[in-house]
Amino acid sequence: MKTKFLLILVVAVSLLAVLDKPADATLSFRFYNITNNNAADAGIGEYLFVDVTDPEGEEEQVLFTFRNESPVPSSICDVYFDDGALFGIASIDNDDPGVSFTQLANPGDLPGGNNIDPPFVTTEGFSADSDSPVQAMGVNPGETLGILFVLQDGSVFQDVVNDLYSEALRIGIHVQGFDGGGSESFVNVPAPGALMLGGIGIGLLGLWRRRQRI
């Protein structure tokens, strides 16, 4: 029986490590569909990611890197940010060949943003879209786009992480370039399981400690 609880402890500590990441770790978020114009197109959200990173040596900035890993034709053409501890866009990384974005998206608000509760309201100035030709210059499969933000005075990277998990900060993307010619909108969702697994680990560790006192 003791061996079993030691095994549980090992699992618990491993799970706790999921949450015990340093503040400068990269966190990844997937996207869920909010428009559902086409069921097949809506399903590619599981292949779209945004990585959130604390740039080394840049204590008051945060980098959002958008990745498209879809197995079908698709192009992230617009990105939007709704509130949070962000202050303003510092720069847009267009170094990936075939990707070119400019600050301020058109349309100015995430298409379909009213479909969720509370509605997605783009913070003024916190958006960007691909240059012409729109789909070709968007984030197509295998490509990435980086957007560097300056944080509000007194805010740090961990504040951005907290805002993302509490949904005080939401990220929206508008995707075009599907074979059928349609488009879809998506909003970020935390990578599944991280918080839940951490909670399980804490619970198991507490159980083991109680058994040791008995």
N, C-alpha and C. Protein backbone atom coordinates (compact mmCIF):
# COMPACT_ATOMS: atom_id res chain seq x y z
N MET A 1 0.83 -1.21 0.00
CA MET A 1 0.00 0.00 0.00
C MET A 1 0.87 1.26 0.00
N LYS A 2 1.97 1.20 0.81
CA LYS A 2 2.85 2.36 0.86
C LYS A 2 3.47 2.64 -0.51
N THR A 3 3.83 1.56 -1.22
CA THR A 3 4.40 1.72 -2.55
C THR A 3 3.42 2.41 -3.49
N LYS A 4 2.16 2.04 -3.37
CA LYS A 4 1.13 2.64 -4.22
C LYS A 4 1.04 4.14 -3.98
N PHE A 5 1.10 4.54 -2.70
CA PHE A 5 1.00 5.97 -2.42
C PHE A 5 2.25 6.72 -2.83
N LEU A 6 3.40 6.06 -2.77
CA LEU A 6 4.61 6.70 -3.27
C LEU A 6 4.51 6.93 -4.77
N LEU A 7 3.92 5.96 -5.47
CA LEU A 7 3.73 6.12 -6.91
C LEU A 7 2.80 7.28 -7.20
N ILE A 8 1.75 7.38 -6.40
CA ILE A 8 0.80 8.49 -6.56
C ILE A 8 1.50 9.82 -6.32
N LEU A 9 2.41 9.83 -5.34
CA LEU A 9 3.14 11.07 -5.04
C LEU A 9 3.99 11.49 -6.22
N VAL A 10 4.67 10.53 -6.85
CA VAL A 10 5.49 10.84 -8.01
C VAL A 10 4.64 11.46 -9.11
N VAL A 11 3.46 10.84 -9.33
CA VAL A 11 2.55 11.38 -10.35
C VAL A 11 2.11 12.78 -9.97
N ALA A 12 1.81 12.98 -8.70
CA ALA A 12 1.35 14.29 -8.24
C ALA A 12 2.39 15.36 -8.47
N VAL A 13 3.63 15.05 -8.11
CA VAL A 13 4.71 16.04 -8.28
C VAL A 13 4.91 16.36 -9.75
N SER A 14 4.79 15.35 -10.61
CA SER A 14 4.93 15.57 -12.05
C SER A 14 3.83 16.48 -12.56
N LEU A 15 2.62 16.27 -12.05
CA LEU A 15 1.51 17.09 -12.50
C LEU A 15 1.63 18.51 -11.99
N LEU A 16 2.14 18.66 -10.77
CA LEU A 16 2.34 20.00 -10.24
C LEU A 16 3.33 20.78 -11.08
N ALA A 17 4.25 20.10 -11.71
CA ALA A 17 5.25 20.77 -12.54
C ALA A 17 4.60 21.45 -13.73
N VAL A 18 3.41 20.99 -14.12
CA VAL A 18 2.70 21.62 -15.24
C VAL A 18 2.44 23.08 -14.95
N LEU A 19 2.07 23.35 -13.67
CA LEU A 19 1.75 24.73 -13.30
C LEU A 19 2.97 25.49 -12.79
N ASP A 20 4.01 24.78 -12.41
CA ASP A 20 5.17 25.43 -11.82
C ASP A 20 6.17 25.84 -12.88
N LYS A 21 5.66 26.49 -13.92
CA LYS A 21 6.55 26.96 -14.98
C LYS A 21 7.11 28.32 -14.62
N PRO A 22 8.33 28.63 -15.02
CA PRO A 22 8.86 29.97 -14.78
C PRO A 22 8.07 31.01 -15.54
N ALA A 23 8.14 32.24 -15.07
CA ALA A 23 7.32 33.30 -15.67
C ALA A 23 7.69 33.55 -17.12
N ASP A 24 8.92 33.16 -17.54
CA ASP A 24 9.33 33.45 -18.89
C ASP A 24 9.08 32.27 -19.84
N ALA A 25 8.34 31.24 -19.37
CA ALA A 25 8.04 30.09 -20.22
C ALA A 25 7.08 30.50 -21.33
N THR A 26 7.11 29.74 -22.41
CA THR A 26 6.16 29.96 -23.50
C THR A 26 4.90 29.17 -23.23
N LEU A 27 3.77 29.81 -23.29
CA LEU A 27 2.47 29.16 -23.12
C LEU A 27 1.76 29.14 -24.46
N SER A 28 1.10 28.02 -24.77
CA SER A 28 0.40 27.88 -26.04
C SER A 28 -1.11 27.82 -25.83
N PHE A 29 -1.84 28.48 -26.71
CA PHE A 29 -3.28 28.49 -26.66
C PHE A 29 -3.84 28.08 -28.02
N ARG A 30 -4.87 27.24 -28.01
CA ARG A 30 -5.59 26.91 -29.23
C ARG A 30 -6.75 27.89 -29.39
N PHE A 31 -7.55 27.65 -30.43
CA PHE A 31 -8.68 28.53 -30.72
C PHE A 31 -9.97 27.72 -30.90
N TYR A 32 -11.09 28.31 -30.46
CA TYR A 32 -12.38 27.68 -30.71
C TYR A 32 -13.20 28.57 -31.64
N ASN A 33 -14.02 27.94 -32.43
CA ASN A 33 -14.78 28.65 -33.46
C ASN A 33 -15.99 29.36 -32.86
N ILE A 34 -16.29 30.58 -33.33
CA ILE A 34 -17.45 31.32 -32.83
C ILE A 34 -18.46 31.67 -33.93
N THR A 35 -18.17 31.27 -35.17
CA THR A 35 -19.08 31.61 -36.28
C THR A 35 -19.76 30.40 -36.89
N ASN A 36 -19.03 29.30 -37.05
CA ASN A 36 -19.58 28.05 -37.59
C ASN A 36 -20.31 28.26 -38.91
N ASN A 37 -19.69 29.00 -39.80
CA ASN A 37 -20.27 29.18 -41.13
C ASN A 37 -20.23 27.87 -41.94
N ASN A 38 -19.22 27.06 -41.67
CA ASN A 38 -19.08 25.76 -42.32
C ASN A 38 -18.43 24.82 -41.32
N ALA A 39 -19.06 23.67 -41.08
CA ALA A 39 -18.60 22.77 -40.03
C ALA A 39 -17.16 22.30 -40.25
N ALA A 40 -16.83 21.98 -41.49
CA ALA A 40 -15.48 21.49 -41.79
C ALA A 40 -14.45 22.60 -41.56
N ASP A 41 -14.75 23.81 -42.02
CA ASP A 41 -13.83 24.93 -41.83
C ASP A 41 -13.69 25.27 -40.35
N ALA A 42 -14.81 25.21 -39.63
CA ALA A 42 -14.79 25.55 -38.20
C ALA A 42 -13.90 24.62 -37.42
N GLY A 43 -13.73 23.39 -37.90
CA GLY A 43 -12.98 22.39 -37.16
C GLY A 43 -11.47 22.58 -37.16
N ILE A 44 -10.96 23.52 -37.95
CA ILE A 44 -9.50 23.67 -38.00
C ILE A 44 -8.95 24.44 -36.80
N GLY A 45 -9.84 24.89 -35.92
CA GLY A 45 -9.37 25.63 -34.75
C GLY A 45 -8.34 24.87 -33.95
N GLU A 46 -8.41 23.54 -33.93
CA GLU A 46 -7.45 22.75 -33.17
C GLU A 46 -6.05 22.78 -33.78
N TYR A 47 -5.94 23.32 -34.99
CA TYR A 47 -4.63 23.41 -35.65
C TYR A 47 -4.08 24.83 -35.65
N LEU A 48 -4.78 25.74 -35.01
CA LEU A 48 -4.35 27.13 -34.96
C LEU A 48 -3.90 27.45 -33.54
N PHE A 49 -2.76 28.10 -33.40
CA PHE A 49 -2.18 28.33 -32.09
C PHE A 49 -1.66 29.76 -31.96
N VAL A 50 -1.62 30.23 -30.71
CA VAL A 50 -0.86 31.44 -30.40
C VAL A 50 0.03 31.11 -29.21
N ASP A 51 1.34 31.32 -29.39
CA ASP A 51 2.31 31.12 -28.32
C ASP A 51 2.58 32.46 -27.65
N VAL A 52 2.53 32.47 -26.33
CA VAL A 52 2.71 33.70 -25.56
C VAL A 52 4.03 33.60 -24.81
N THR A 53 4.94 34.55 -25.08
CA THR A 53 6.31 34.46 -24.58
C THR A 53 6.73 35.76 -23.93
N ASP A 54 7.52 35.63 -22.88
CA ASP A 54 8.16 36.78 -22.24
C ASP A 54 9.53 36.96 -22.90
N PRO A 55 9.69 37.96 -23.76
CA PRO A 55 10.97 38.11 -24.48
C PRO A 55 12.12 38.31 -23.51
N GLU A 56 13.21 37.60 -23.74
CA GLU A 56 14.37 37.69 -22.87
C GLU A 56 14.92 39.11 -22.86
N GLY A 57 15.06 39.66 -21.66
CA GLY A 57 15.61 41.00 -21.51
C GLY A 57 14.61 42.11 -21.75
N GLU A 58 13.34 41.75 -22.00
CA GLU A 58 12.31 42.76 -22.24
C GLU A 58 11.21 42.58 -21.19
N GLU A 59 11.43 43.16 -20.00
CA GLU A 59 10.55 42.91 -18.87
C GLU A 59 9.16 43.51 -19.04
N GLU A 60 9.02 44.50 -19.89
CA GLU A 60 7.73 45.17 -20.01
C GLU A 60 7.07 44.90 -21.36
N GLN A 61 7.40 43.76 -21.96
CA GLN A 61 6.81 43.40 -23.25
C GLN A 61 6.37 41.94 -23.24
N VAL A 62 5.51 41.60 -24.19
CA VAL A 62 5.06 40.22 -24.35
C VAL A 62 4.92 39.94 -25.84
N LEU A 63 5.33 38.76 -26.26
CA LEU A 63 5.31 38.39 -27.67
C LEU A 63 4.22 37.35 -27.92
N PHE A 64 3.37 37.62 -28.90
CA PHE A 64 2.34 36.67 -29.33
C PHE A 64 2.75 36.14 -30.71
N THR A 65 2.95 34.84 -30.81
CA THR A 65 3.34 34.22 -32.07
C THR A 65 2.22 33.32 -32.56
N PHE A 66 1.65 33.67 -33.69
CA PHE A 66 0.52 32.92 -34.26
C PHE A 66 1.07 31.85 -35.20
N ARG A 67 0.55 30.61 -35.06
CA ARG A 67 0.99 29.50 -35.89
C ARG A 67 -0.22 28.85 -36.56
N ASN A 68 -0.06 28.51 -37.81
CA ASN A 68 -1.09 27.79 -38.56
C ASN A 68 -0.54 26.42 -38.92
N GLU A 69 -1.08 25.38 -38.29
CA GLU A 69 -0.65 24.01 -38.56
C GLU A 69 -1.77 23.20 -39.21
N SER A 70 -2.68 23.89 -39.87
CA SER A 70 -3.82 23.23 -40.51
C SER A 70 -3.36 22.33 -41.66
N PRO A 71 -3.99 21.16 -41.82
CA PRO A 71 -3.66 20.29 -42.95
C PRO A 71 -4.38 20.68 -44.23
N VAL A 72 -5.26 21.68 -44.15
CA VAL A 72 -6.03 22.10 -45.33
C VAL A 72 -5.76 23.58 -45.60
N PRO A 73 -6.01 24.06 -46.81
CA PRO A 73 -5.80 25.48 -47.13
C PRO A 73 -6.57 26.39 -46.17
N SER A 74 -5.89 27.36 -45.63
CA SER A 74 -6.48 28.32 -44.70
C SER A 74 -5.46 29.41 -44.44
N SER A 75 -5.94 30.60 -44.10
CA SER A 75 -5.04 31.72 -43.90
C SER A 75 -5.56 32.64 -42.81
N ILE A 76 -4.75 32.81 -41.74
CA ILE A 76 -5.09 33.78 -40.70
C ILE A 76 -4.84 35.17 -41.29
N CYS A 77 -5.92 35.91 -41.50
CA CYS A 77 -5.80 37.21 -42.19
C CYS A 77 -5.96 38.40 -41.27
N ASP A 78 -6.56 38.19 -40.09
CA ASP A 78 -6.78 39.30 -39.16
C ASP A 78 -6.59 38.79 -37.74
N VAL A 79 -5.98 39.60 -36.88
CA VAL A 79 -5.85 39.26 -35.46
C VAL A 79 -6.34 40.44 -34.63
N TYR A 80 -6.98 40.10 -33.51
CA TYR A 80 -7.61 41.11 -32.66
C TYR A 80 -7.34 40.79 -31.19
N PHE A 81 -7.24 41.84 -30.36
CA PHE A 81 -7.03 41.68 -28.93
C PHE A 81 -8.11 42.46 -28.18
N ASP A 82 -8.68 41.81 -27.18
CA ASP A 82 -9.76 42.40 -26.39
C ASP A 82 -9.26 42.60 -24.96
N ASP A 83 -8.84 43.84 -24.63
CA ASP A 83 -8.50 44.29 -23.28
C ASP A 83 -7.28 43.58 -22.71
N GLY A 84 -7.16 43.55 -21.37
CA GLY A 84 -6.01 42.96 -20.71
C GLY A 84 -4.99 43.99 -20.28
N ALA A 85 -3.79 43.51 -19.88
CA ALA A 85 -2.73 44.38 -19.35
C ALA A 85 -1.85 44.95 -20.45
N LEU A 86 -2.31 44.88 -21.69
CA LEU A 86 -1.51 45.37 -22.81
C LEU A 86 -1.65 46.88 -22.95
N PHE A 87 -0.58 47.52 -23.45
CA PHE A 87 -0.59 48.97 -23.64
C PHE A 87 -0.65 49.34 -25.11
N GLY A 88 0.09 48.65 -25.95
CA GLY A 88 0.07 48.97 -27.38
C GLY A 88 1.04 48.08 -28.14
N ILE A 89 0.84 47.97 -29.44
CA ILE A 89 1.70 47.16 -30.29
C ILE A 89 3.04 47.86 -30.47
N ALA A 90 4.12 47.12 -30.16
CA ALA A 90 5.47 47.67 -30.32
C ALA A 90 6.01 47.38 -31.72
N SER A 91 5.76 46.16 -32.22
CA SER A 91 6.25 45.79 -33.55
C SER A 91 5.52 44.57 -34.06
N ILE A 92 5.57 44.38 -35.38
CA ILE A 92 5.00 43.21 -36.03
C ILE A 92 6.12 42.52 -36.80
N ASP A 93 6.28 41.22 -36.54
CA ASP A 93 7.36 40.45 -37.16
C ASP A 93 6.87 39.86 -38.47
N ASN A 94 7.32 40.42 -39.59
CA ASN A 94 6.96 39.93 -40.92
C ASN A 94 8.13 39.19 -41.58
N ASP A 95 9.01 38.60 -40.74
CA ASP A 95 10.21 37.96 -41.30
C ASP A 95 9.91 36.66 -42.03
N ASP A 96 8.80 36.00 -41.68
CA ASP A 96 8.46 34.74 -42.35
C ASP A 96 8.09 35.04 -43.80
N PRO A 97 8.78 34.46 -44.77
CA PRO A 97 8.46 34.72 -46.18
C PRO A 97 6.99 34.41 -46.48
N GLY A 98 6.33 35.33 -47.16
CA GLY A 98 4.93 35.12 -47.50
C GLY A 98 3.96 35.65 -46.48
N VAL A 99 4.46 36.20 -45.36
CA VAL A 99 3.60 36.78 -44.33
C VAL A 99 3.89 38.26 -44.21
N SER A 100 2.85 39.08 -44.34
CA SER A 100 3.02 40.53 -44.23
C SER A 100 1.76 41.14 -43.62
N PHE A 101 1.91 41.71 -42.42
CA PHE A 101 0.78 42.29 -41.68
C PHE A 101 1.07 43.76 -41.36
N THR A 102 -0.01 44.53 -41.24
CA THR A 102 0.08 45.93 -40.85
C THR A 102 -0.90 46.17 -39.71
N GLN A 103 -0.52 47.04 -38.78
CA GLN A 103 -1.39 47.35 -37.65
C GLN A 103 -2.70 47.96 -38.11
N LEU A 104 -3.77 47.66 -37.39
CA LEU A 104 -5.16 48.06 -37.61
C LEU A 104 -5.80 47.18 -38.69
N ALA A 105 -6.70 46.34 -38.23
CA ALA A 105 -7.38 45.41 -39.12
C ALA A 105 -8.60 46.05 -39.76
N ASN A 106 -9.00 45.49 -40.89
CA ASN A 106 -10.22 45.90 -41.58
C ASN A 106 -11.00 44.63 -41.92
N PRO A 107 -12.16 44.38 -41.28
CA PRO A 107 -12.92 45.28 -40.40
C PRO A 107 -12.24 45.50 -39.05
N GLY A 108 -12.66 46.56 -38.38
CA GLY A 108 -12.03 46.94 -37.14
C GLY A 108 -12.36 46.04 -35.97
N ASP A 109 -13.46 45.29 -36.05
CA ASP A 109 -13.85 44.37 -34.97
C ASP A 109 -13.87 42.95 -35.51
N LEU A 110 -13.63 41.99 -34.63
CA LEU A 110 -13.63 40.59 -35.01
C LEU A 110 -14.99 40.19 -35.58
N PRO A 111 -15.06 39.74 -36.84
CA PRO A 111 -16.34 39.29 -37.40
C PRO A 111 -16.94 38.18 -36.54
N GLY A 112 -18.20 38.34 -36.19
CA GLY A 112 -18.87 37.36 -35.35
C GLY A 112 -18.58 37.50 -33.89
N GLY A 113 -17.88 38.57 -33.49
CA GLY A 113 -17.54 38.76 -32.08
C GLY A 113 -18.72 38.89 -31.16
N ASN A 114 -19.89 39.26 -31.70
CA ASN A 114 -21.10 39.37 -30.88
C ASN A 114 -21.73 38.03 -30.60
N ASN A 115 -21.20 36.95 -31.19
CA ASN A 115 -21.77 35.62 -31.00
C ASN A 115 -21.43 35.02 -29.64
N ILE A 116 -20.50 35.62 -28.92
CA ILE A 116 -20.10 35.06 -27.63
C ILE A 116 -20.48 36.02 -26.51
N ASP A 117 -20.51 35.50 -25.29
CA ASP A 117 -20.91 36.28 -24.12
C ASP A 117 -19.80 36.26 -23.08
N PRO A 118 -19.25 37.42 -22.73
CA PRO A 118 -19.57 38.74 -23.27
C PRO A 118 -19.03 38.90 -24.69
N PRO A 119 -19.62 39.82 -25.46
CA PRO A 119 -19.16 40.02 -26.83
C PRO A 119 -17.69 40.39 -26.89
N PHE A 120 -17.03 39.95 -27.94
CA PHE A 120 -15.63 40.30 -28.16
C PHE A 120 -15.58 41.73 -28.70
N VAL A 121 -14.93 42.61 -27.95
CA VAL A 121 -14.82 44.01 -28.34
C VAL A 121 -13.33 44.35 -28.50
N THR A 122 -12.91 44.59 -29.72
CA THR A 122 -11.51 44.86 -29.99
C THR A 122 -11.07 46.17 -29.34
N THR A 123 -9.99 46.11 -28.57
CA THR A 123 -9.43 47.32 -27.98
C THR A 123 -8.85 48.20 -29.08
N GLU A 124 -9.12 49.49 -29.00
CA GLU A 124 -8.69 50.41 -30.06
C GLU A 124 -7.18 50.31 -30.30
N GLY A 125 -6.82 50.07 -31.55
CA GLY A 125 -5.42 49.98 -31.94
C GLY A 125 -4.81 48.61 -31.77
N PHE A 126 -5.54 47.68 -31.16
CA PHE A 126 -5.00 46.34 -30.87
C PHE A 126 -5.43 45.33 -31.93
N SER A 127 -5.08 45.57 -33.16
CA SER A 127 -5.44 44.65 -34.24
C SER A 127 -4.45 44.82 -35.39
N ALA A 128 -4.45 43.82 -36.27
CA ALA A 128 -3.59 43.87 -37.45
C ALA A 128 -4.18 42.94 -38.50
N ASP A 129 -3.91 43.24 -39.77
CA ASP A 129 -4.37 42.33 -40.82
C ASP A 129 -3.32 42.20 -41.92
N SER A 130 -3.51 41.17 -42.73
CA SER A 130 -2.54 40.87 -43.78
C SER A 130 -2.65 41.86 -44.92
N ASP A 131 -1.54 42.15 -45.54
CA ASP A 131 -1.49 43.07 -46.67
C ASP A 131 -1.98 42.37 -47.94
N SER A 132 -2.24 43.14 -48.97
CA SER A 132 -2.70 42.60 -50.25
C SER A 132 -1.57 41.88 -50.98
N PRO A 133 -1.87 40.74 -51.61
CA PRO A 133 -3.12 39.98 -51.61
C PRO A 133 -3.36 39.30 -50.26
N VAL A 134 -4.54 39.53 -49.71
CA VAL A 134 -4.83 39.24 -48.31
C VAL A 134 -4.55 37.79 -47.92
N GLN A 135 -5.08 36.85 -48.67
CA GLN A 135 -4.91 35.45 -48.28
C GLN A 135 -3.47 34.98 -48.46
N ALA A 136 -2.83 35.41 -49.52
CA ALA A 136 -1.45 35.00 -49.78
C ALA A 136 -0.50 35.54 -48.72
N MET A 137 -0.76 36.75 -48.22
CA MET A 137 0.12 37.38 -47.24
C MET A 137 -0.27 37.05 -45.80
N GLY A 138 -1.36 36.29 -45.61
CA GLY A 138 -1.77 35.87 -44.27
C GLY A 138 -0.89 34.73 -43.77
N VAL A 139 -1.26 34.21 -42.61
CA VAL A 139 -0.51 33.10 -42.01
C VAL A 139 -1.10 31.80 -42.54
N ASN A 140 -0.49 31.26 -43.56
CA ASN A 140 -0.93 30.02 -44.18
C ASN A 140 -0.26 28.83 -43.49
N PRO A 141 -0.72 27.59 -43.78
CA PRO A 141 -0.13 26.42 -43.11
C PRO A 141 1.40 26.41 -43.17
N GLY A 142 2.01 26.20 -41.99
CA GLY A 142 3.46 26.17 -41.88
C GLY A 142 4.09 27.52 -41.63
N GLU A 143 3.29 28.59 -41.57
CA GLU A 143 3.83 29.94 -41.38
C GLU A 143 3.52 30.47 -39.99
N THR A 144 4.22 31.55 -39.62
CA THR A 144 4.01 32.18 -38.31
C THR A 144 3.98 33.69 -38.44
N LEU A 145 3.41 34.33 -37.44
CA LEU A 145 3.37 35.79 -37.34
C LEU A 145 3.62 36.17 -35.90
N GLY A 146 4.53 37.10 -35.65
CA GLY A 146 4.79 37.57 -34.30
C GLY A 146 4.33 39.00 -34.10
N ILE A 147 3.63 39.25 -33.00
CA ILE A 147 3.21 40.61 -32.65
C ILE A 147 3.69 40.89 -31.23
N LEU A 148 4.54 41.90 -31.10
CA LEU A 148 5.13 42.27 -29.82
C LEU A 148 4.35 43.43 -29.21
N PHE A 149 3.92 43.27 -27.97
CA PHE A 149 3.17 44.30 -27.26
C PHE A 149 3.97 44.88 -26.12
N VAL A 150 3.78 46.16 -25.87
CA VAL A 150 4.27 46.81 -24.66
C VAL A 150 3.20 46.66 -23.59
N LEU A 151 3.62 46.41 -22.34
CA LEU A 151 2.67 46.26 -21.24
C LEU A 151 2.40 47.60 -20.56
N GLN A 152 1.25 47.67 -19.91
CA GLN A 152 0.91 48.86 -19.15
C GLN A 152 1.91 49.05 -18.02
N ASP A 153 2.07 50.30 -17.57
CA ASP A 153 3.00 50.61 -16.48
C ASP A 153 2.69 49.74 -15.26
N GLY A 154 3.72 49.07 -14.76
CA GLY A 154 3.55 48.25 -13.58
C GLY A 154 3.14 46.82 -13.86
N SER A 155 2.76 46.52 -15.09
CA SER A 155 2.33 45.17 -15.44
C SER A 155 3.53 44.32 -15.85
N VAL A 156 3.43 43.02 -15.58
CA VAL A 156 4.49 42.08 -15.94
C VAL A 156 3.88 40.93 -16.73
N PHE A 157 4.76 40.05 -17.22
CA PHE A 157 4.32 38.94 -18.06
C PHE A 157 3.26 38.09 -17.35
N GLN A 158 3.45 37.84 -16.05
CA GLN A 158 2.50 37.00 -15.32
C GLN A 158 1.10 37.61 -15.32
N ASP A 159 1.00 38.94 -15.36
CA ASP A 159 -0.32 39.58 -15.43
C ASP A 159 -1.02 39.21 -16.74
N VAL A 160 -0.26 39.14 -17.82
CA VAL A 160 -0.83 38.75 -19.11
C VAL A 160 -1.32 37.31 -19.05
N VAL A 161 -0.51 36.43 -18.45
CA VAL A 161 -0.90 35.03 -18.31
C VAL A 161 -2.19 34.91 -17.51
N ASN A 162 -2.26 35.63 -16.39
CA ASN A 162 -3.46 35.59 -15.56
C ASN A 162 -4.68 36.09 -16.33
N ASP A 163 -4.49 37.15 -17.11
CA ASP A 163 -5.60 37.71 -17.89
C ASP A 163 -6.09 36.73 -18.94
N LEU A 164 -5.16 35.97 -19.55
CA LEU A 164 -5.55 35.00 -20.57
C LEU A 164 -6.36 33.86 -19.96
N TYR A 165 -5.94 33.36 -18.81
CA TYR A 165 -6.66 32.25 -18.19
C TYR A 165 -7.99 32.69 -17.58
N SER A 166 -8.09 33.94 -17.15
CA SER A 166 -9.35 34.44 -16.60
C SER A 166 -10.25 35.03 -17.67
N GLU A 167 -9.74 35.11 -18.91
CA GLU A 167 -10.44 35.69 -20.06
C GLU A 167 -10.64 37.19 -19.94
N ALA A 168 -9.84 37.84 -19.07
CA ALA A 168 -9.81 39.29 -19.06
C ALA A 168 -9.13 39.80 -20.33
N LEU A 169 -8.29 38.95 -20.92
CA LEU A 169 -7.69 39.21 -22.22
C LEU A 169 -8.07 38.08 -23.15
N ARG A 170 -8.66 38.44 -24.30
CA ARG A 170 -9.03 37.45 -25.31
C ARG A 170 -8.39 37.82 -26.64
N ILE A 171 -8.05 36.79 -27.40
CA ILE A 171 -7.43 36.99 -28.70
C ILE A 171 -8.32 36.37 -29.76
N GLY A 172 -8.64 37.14 -30.78
CA GLY A 172 -9.48 36.65 -31.86
C GLY A 172 -8.73 36.65 -33.18
N ILE A 173 -9.07 35.69 -34.05
CA ILE A 173 -8.47 35.64 -35.38
C ILE A 173 -9.58 35.40 -36.41
N HIS A 174 -9.40 35.98 -37.59
CA HIS A 174 -10.32 35.76 -38.71
C HIS A 174 -9.55 35.02 -39.79
N VAL A 175 -10.10 33.86 -40.19
CA VAL A 175 -9.41 32.96 -41.10
C VAL A 175 -10.17 32.87 -42.42
N GLN A 176 -9.43 33.01 -43.51
CA GLN A 176 -9.99 32.91 -44.85
C GLN A 176 -9.17 31.88 -45.64
N GLY A 177 -9.41 31.82 -46.95
CA GLY A 177 -8.61 30.97 -47.81
C GLY A 177 -9.00 29.51 -47.82
N PHE A 178 -10.20 29.18 -47.32
CA PHE A 178 -10.66 27.80 -47.37
C PHE A 178 -11.01 27.41 -48.81
N ASP A 179 -11.01 26.11 -49.08
CA ASP A 179 -11.31 25.63 -50.43
C ASP A 179 -12.69 26.10 -50.90
N GLY A 180 -13.64 26.18 -49.95
CA GLY A 180 -14.99 26.59 -50.32
C GLY A 180 -15.18 28.08 -50.44
N GLY A 181 -14.14 28.85 -50.11
CA GLY A 181 -14.23 30.30 -50.27
C GLY A 181 -14.80 31.02 -49.06
N GLY A 182 -15.17 30.31 -48.00
CA GLY A 182 -15.77 30.95 -46.83
C GLY A 182 -14.73 31.47 -45.85
N SER A 183 -15.20 31.92 -44.70
CA SER A 183 -14.32 32.43 -43.65
C SER A 183 -14.89 32.05 -42.29
N GLU A 184 -14.04 32.04 -41.28
CA GLU A 184 -14.43 31.70 -39.92
C GLU A 184 -13.69 32.58 -38.94
N SER A 185 -14.31 32.80 -37.77
CA SER A 185 -13.65 33.53 -36.68
C SER A 185 -13.45 32.61 -35.50
N PHE A 186 -12.34 32.84 -34.78
CA PHE A 186 -11.97 31.99 -33.64
C PHE A 186 -11.50 32.87 -32.49
N VAL A 187 -11.64 32.34 -31.27
CA VAL A 187 -11.15 33.01 -30.07
C VAL A 187 -10.30 32.02 -29.30
N ASN A 188 -9.25 32.51 -28.63
CA ASN A 188 -8.30 31.63 -27.94
C ASN A 188 -8.94 30.87 -26.78
N VAL A 189 -8.39 29.70 -26.52
CA VAL A 189 -8.77 28.89 -25.36
C VAL A 189 -7.49 28.29 -24.81
N PRO A 190 -7.30 28.25 -23.46
CA PRO A 190 -6.08 27.67 -22.89
C PRO A 190 -5.89 26.23 -23.34
N ALA A 191 -4.63 25.81 -23.48
CA ALA A 191 -4.33 24.43 -23.84
C ALA A 191 -5.03 23.51 -22.86
N PRO A 192 -5.80 22.54 -23.32
CA PRO A 192 -6.63 21.73 -22.43
C PRO A 192 -5.81 20.91 -21.46
N GLY A 193 -6.33 20.81 -20.23
CA GLY A 193 -5.76 19.88 -19.27
C GLY A 193 -4.76 20.44 -18.29
N ALA A 194 -4.08 21.54 -18.61
CA ALA A 194 -2.99 22.01 -17.75
C ALA A 194 -3.48 22.33 -16.34
N LEU A 195 -4.51 23.18 -16.24
CA LEU A 195 -5.00 23.55 -14.93
C LEU A 195 -5.66 22.38 -14.23
N MET A 196 -6.39 21.56 -14.97
CA MET A 196 -7.07 20.41 -14.38
C MET A 196 -6.05 19.42 -13.82
N LEU A 197 -4.99 19.12 -14.58
CA LEU A 197 -3.98 18.19 -14.13
C LEU A 197 -3.26 18.71 -12.89
N GLY A 198 -3.00 20.02 -12.89
CA GLY A 198 -2.36 20.61 -11.72
C GLY A 198 -3.22 20.44 -10.49
N GLY A 199 -4.55 20.64 -10.64
CA GLY A 199 -5.47 20.47 -9.53
C GLY A 199 -5.50 19.04 -9.03
N ILE A 200 -5.45 18.07 -9.94
CA ILE A 200 -5.41 16.67 -9.56
C ILE A 200 -4.15 16.38 -8.76
N GLY A 201 -3.02 16.93 -9.23
CA GLY A 201 -1.76 16.72 -8.53
C GLY A 201 -1.80 17.24 -7.11
N ILE A 202 -2.35 18.42 -6.91
CA ILE A 202 -2.45 18.99 -5.57
C ILE A 202 -3.32 18.11 -4.69
N GLY A 203 -4.42 17.63 -5.23
CA GLY A 203 -5.32 16.77 -4.47
C GLY A 203 -4.66 15.47 -4.06
N LEU A 204 -3.91 14.85 -4.99
CA LEU A 204 -3.25 13.59 -4.68
C LEU A 204 -2.16 13.78 -3.63
N LEU A 205 -1.44 14.88 -3.72
CA LEU A 205 -0.39 15.15 -2.74
C LEU A 205 -0.99 15.32 -1.35
N GLY A 206 -2.11 16.03 -1.26
CA GLY A 206 -2.78 16.21 0.02
C GLY A 206 -3.26 14.88 0.59
N LEU A 207 -3.77 14.02 -0.29
CA LEU A 207 -4.24 12.71 0.16
C LEU A 207 -3.09 11.89 0.73
N TRP A 208 -1.94 11.90 0.06
CA TRP A 208 -0.78 11.15 0.54
C TRP A 208 -0.33 11.66 1.91
N ARG A 209 -0.33 12.98 2.09
CA ARG A 209 0.09 13.54 3.38
C ARG A 209 -0.86 13.12 4.49
N ARG A 210 -2.17 13.09 4.21
CA ARG A 210 -3.13 12.67 5.21
C ARG A 210 -2.91 11.22 5.60
N ARG A 211 -2.60 10.35 4.62
CA ARG A 211 -2.34 8.94 4.89
C ARG A 211 -1.11 8.77 5.77
N GLN A 212 -0.11 9.62 5.59
CA GLN A 212 1.11 9.52 6.37
C GLN A 212 0.86 9.86 7.85
N ARG A 213 -0.15 10.71 8.11
CA ARG A 213 -0.45 11.11 9.48
C ARG A 213 -1.31 10.08 10.21
N ILE A 214 -1.95 9.19 9.45
CA ILE A 214 -2.85 8.20 10.04
C ILE A 214 -2.04 7.08 10.72
